């Protein structure tokens, strides 16, 4: 086990970190998340402003 961790330890750590980042992104971009709400508000505001120009 020690040799496996010595040889593959960095790769295992990188996979764990990437999975954690993926979970954070999925949670942030969920339909009721803060990021999704702000993104939806920004898009709505942008297209409303563009419609006022015509």
C-alpha atoms as a PDB file:
ATOM      1  CA  UNK A   1       0.000   0.000   0.000  1.00  0.00           C
ATOM      2  CA  UNK A   2       2.865   2.353   0.797  1.00  0.00           C
ATOM      3  CA  UNK A   3       4.406   1.782  -2.630  1.00  0.00           C
ATOM      4  CA  UNK A   4       1.076   2.389  -4.356  1.00  0.00           C
ATOM      5  CA  UNK A   5       0.622   5.702  -2.540  1.00  0.00           C
ATOM      6  CA  UNK A   6       4.230   6.647  -3.225  1.00  0.00           C
ATOM      7  CA  UNK A   7       3.839   5.922  -6.940  1.00  0.00           C
ATOM      8  CA  UNK A   8       0.236   7.061  -7.557  1.00  0.00           C
ATOM      9  CA  UNK A   9      -0.275   9.471  -4.656  1.00  0.00           C
ATOM     10  CA  UNK A  10      -0.083  12.657  -6.731  1.00  0.00           C
ATOM     11  CA  UNK A  11      -2.443  11.289  -9.381  1.00  0.00           C
ATOM     12  CA  UNK A  12      -4.953  10.177  -6.758  1.00  0.00           C
ATOM     13  CA  UNK A  13      -4.780  13.588  -5.088  1.00  0.00           C
ATOM     14  CA  UNK A  14      -5.313  15.340  -8.443  1.00  0.00           C
ATOM     15  CA  UNK A  15      -8.391  13.205  -9.170  1.00  0.00           C
ATOM     16  CA  UNK A  16      -9.839  13.956  -5.739  1.00  0.00           C
ATOM     17  CA  UNK A  17      -9.285  17.698  -6.201  1.00  0.00           C
ATOM     18  CA  UNK A  18     -10.853  17.652  -9.680  1.00  0.00           C
ATOM     19  CA  UNK A  19     -13.874  15.746  -8.400  1.00  0.00           C
ATOM     20  CA  UNK A  20     -14.289  18.252  -5.570  1.00  0.00           C
ATOM     21  CA  UNK A  21     -14.087  21.179  -8.019  1.00  0.00           C
ATOM     22  CA  UNK A  22     -16.635  19.480 -10.256  1.00  0.00           C
ATOM     23  CA  UNK A  23     -19.009  19.029  -7.340  1.00  0.00           C
ATOM     24  CA  UNK A  24     -18.638  22.690  -6.409  1.00  0.00           C
ATOM     25  CA  UNK A  25     -19.353  23.774  -9.997  1.00  0.00           C
ATOM     26  CA  UNK A  26     -22.415  21.543 -10.229  1.00  0.00           C
ATOM     27  CA  UNK A  27     -23.729  22.933  -6.947  1.00  0.00           C
ATOM     28  CA  UNK A  28     -23.064  26.532  -8.012  1.00  0.00           C
ATOM     29  CA  UNK A  29     -24.718  26.079 -11.404  1.00  0.00           C
ATOM     30  CA  UNK A  30     -27.774  24.227 -10.147  1.00  0.00           C
ATOM     31  CA  UNK A  31     -31.089  25.784 -11.158  1.00  0.00           C
ATOM     32  CA  UNK A  32     -31.600  27.425  -7.756  1.00  0.00           C
ATOM     33  CA  UNK A  33     -27.961  28.288  -7.084  1.00  0.00           C
ATOM     34  CA  UNK A  34     -26.595  31.787  -6.665  1.00  0.00           C
ATOM     35  CA  UNK A  35     -24.496  31.677  -9.839  1.00  0.00           C
ATOM     36  CA  UNK A  36     -27.409  30.446 -11.970  1.00  0.00           C
ATOM     37  CA  UNK A  37     -29.712  33.129 -10.564  1.00  0.00           C
ATOM     38  CA  UNK A  38     -27.221  35.917 -11.234  1.00  0.00           C
ATOM     39  CA  UNK A  39     -26.465  34.584 -14.720  1.00  0.00           C
ATOM     40  CA  UNK A  40     -30.197  34.448 -15.523  1.00  0.00           C
ATOM     41  CA  UNK A  41     -30.633  38.021 -14.215  1.00  0.00           C
ATOM     42  CA  UNK A  42     -27.700  39.254 -16.300  1.00  0.00           C
ATOM     43  CA  UNK A  43     -29.042  37.623 -19.482  1.00  0.00           C
ATOM     44  CA  UNK A  44     -32.539  38.957 -18.871  1.00  0.00           C
ATOM     45  CA  UNK A  45     -31.189  42.465 -18.282  1.00  0.00           C
ATOM     46  CA  UNK A  46     -29.012  42.308 -21.382  1.00  0.00           C
ATOM     47  CA  UNK A  47     -31.803  41.209 -23.692  1.00  0.00           C
ATOM     48  CA  UNK A  48     -34.232  43.703 -22.155  1.00  0.00           C
ATOM     49  CA  UNK A  49     -31.743  46.491 -22.853  1.00  0.00           C
ATOM     50  CA  UNK A  50     -31.247  45.262 -26.416  1.00  0.00           C
ATOM     51  CA  UNK A  51     -35.019  45.205 -27.013  1.00  0.00           C
ATOM     52  CA  UNK A  52     -35.274  48.833 -25.841  1.00  0.00           C
ATOM     53  CA  UNK A  53     -32.834  49.888 -28.562  1.00  0.00           C
ATOM     54  CA  UNK A  54     -35.143  48.888 -31.389  1.00  0.00           C
END
